[in-house]
Amino acid sequence: MTITAGRLLTVEETAERLNTSVRFARRLIEERRITFVHVGRHVRIPEAALEAYISAGVVLAVVPRSRKATR
């Protein structure tokens, strides 16, 4: 699987990049909402997995339609 290629981030680095608490990052791992890797006793998050998680949560802005003139 190529998602594990690249840099592996610590839980603390992941939380910092998400601008959240470490607890939230650990909950993502516990609930298996983000891909992670065990390196011995340590847990690491592939940078590509973090980018995929962020991309999956992007909500695009809605462009308002122009109002038609009513008569």
Protein backbone atom coordinates (compact mmCIF):
# COMPACT_ATOMS: atom_id res chain seq x y z
CA MET A 1 0.00 0.00 0.00
CA THR A 2 1.52 3.34 -1.00
CA ILE A 3 -0.21 5.42 1.69
CA THR A 4 2.54 4.39 4.13
CA ALA A 5 5.25 5.78 1.86
CA GLY A 6 6.79 9.05 2.93
CA ARG A 7 7.32 10.64 6.31
CA LEU A 8 5.77 9.13 9.45
CA LEU A 9 4.40 11.63 11.96
CA THR A 10 4.10 11.24 15.71
CA VAL A 11 0.72 11.66 17.36
CA GLU A 12 1.89 15.03 18.68
CA GLU A 13 2.97 16.19 15.21
CA THR A 14 -0.37 15.03 13.81
CA ALA A 15 -2.28 16.99 16.45
CA GLU A 16 -0.18 20.07 15.74
CA ARG A 17 -0.86 19.87 12.00
CA LEU A 18 -4.59 19.46 12.63
CA ASN A 19 -4.45 22.31 15.17
CA THR A 20 -6.18 20.05 17.71
CA SER A 21 -5.33 18.36 20.98
CA VAL A 22 -3.28 15.18 21.21
CA ARG A 23 -6.37 13.56 22.70
CA PHE A 24 -8.32 14.18 19.48
CA ALA A 25 -5.52 12.68 17.37
CA ARG A 26 -5.44 9.61 19.63
CA ARG A 27 -9.22 9.27 19.31
CA LEU A 28 -8.89 9.28 15.50
CA ILE A 29 -6.48 6.37 15.86
CA GLU A 30 -8.59 4.51 18.42
CA GLU A 31 -11.72 4.82 16.26
CA ARG A 32 -9.65 3.88 13.19
CA ARG A 33 -10.75 7.01 11.36
CA ILE A 34 -7.19 7.59 10.16
CA THR A 35 -4.56 5.15 8.86
CA PHE A 36 -1.72 4.50 11.29
CA VAL A 37 1.36 2.30 11.58
CA HIS A 38 2.80 0.49 14.59
CA VAL A 39 6.56 0.88 14.79
CA GLY A 40 7.39 -1.35 17.71
CA ARG A 41 5.45 0.15 20.62
CA HIS A 42 5.05 3.49 18.87
CA VAL A 43 2.19 4.68 16.72
CA ARG A 44 2.94 6.77 13.64
CA ILE A 45 0.66 8.39 11.09
CA PRO A 46 1.83 8.50 7.47
CA GLU A 47 1.88 12.04 6.15
CA ALA A 48 -0.09 10.88 3.10
CA ALA A 49 -2.80 9.44 5.38
CA LEU A 50 -3.10 12.75 7.21
CA GLU A 51 -3.41 14.61 3.91
CA ALA A 52 -6.08 12.13 2.76
CA TYR A 53 -7.99 12.58 6.04
CA ILE A 54 -7.93 16.36 5.65
CA SER A 55 -8.96 16.17 1.97
CA ALA A 56 -11.88 13.88 2.82
CA GLY A 57 -13.24 16.47 5.24
CA VAL A 58 -13.11 19.45 2.88
CA VAL A 59 -16.49 21.05 2.31
CA LEU A 60 -16.68 23.27 -0.75
CA ALA A 61 -18.34 26.64 -0.57
CA VAL A 62 -21.75 27.06 -2.13
CA VAL A 63 -22.00 29.76 -4.77
CA PRO A 64 -25.31 31.57 -4.39
CA ARG A 65 -27.45 31.71 -7.48
CA SER A 66 -28.34 35.11 -8.82
CA ARG A 67 -31.85 36.20 -8.05
CA LYS A 68 -34.21 36.65 -10.92
CA ALA A 69 -36.11 39.88 -11.14
CA THR A 70 -39.75 39.35 -10.19
CA ARG A 71 -42.51 41.30 -11.87
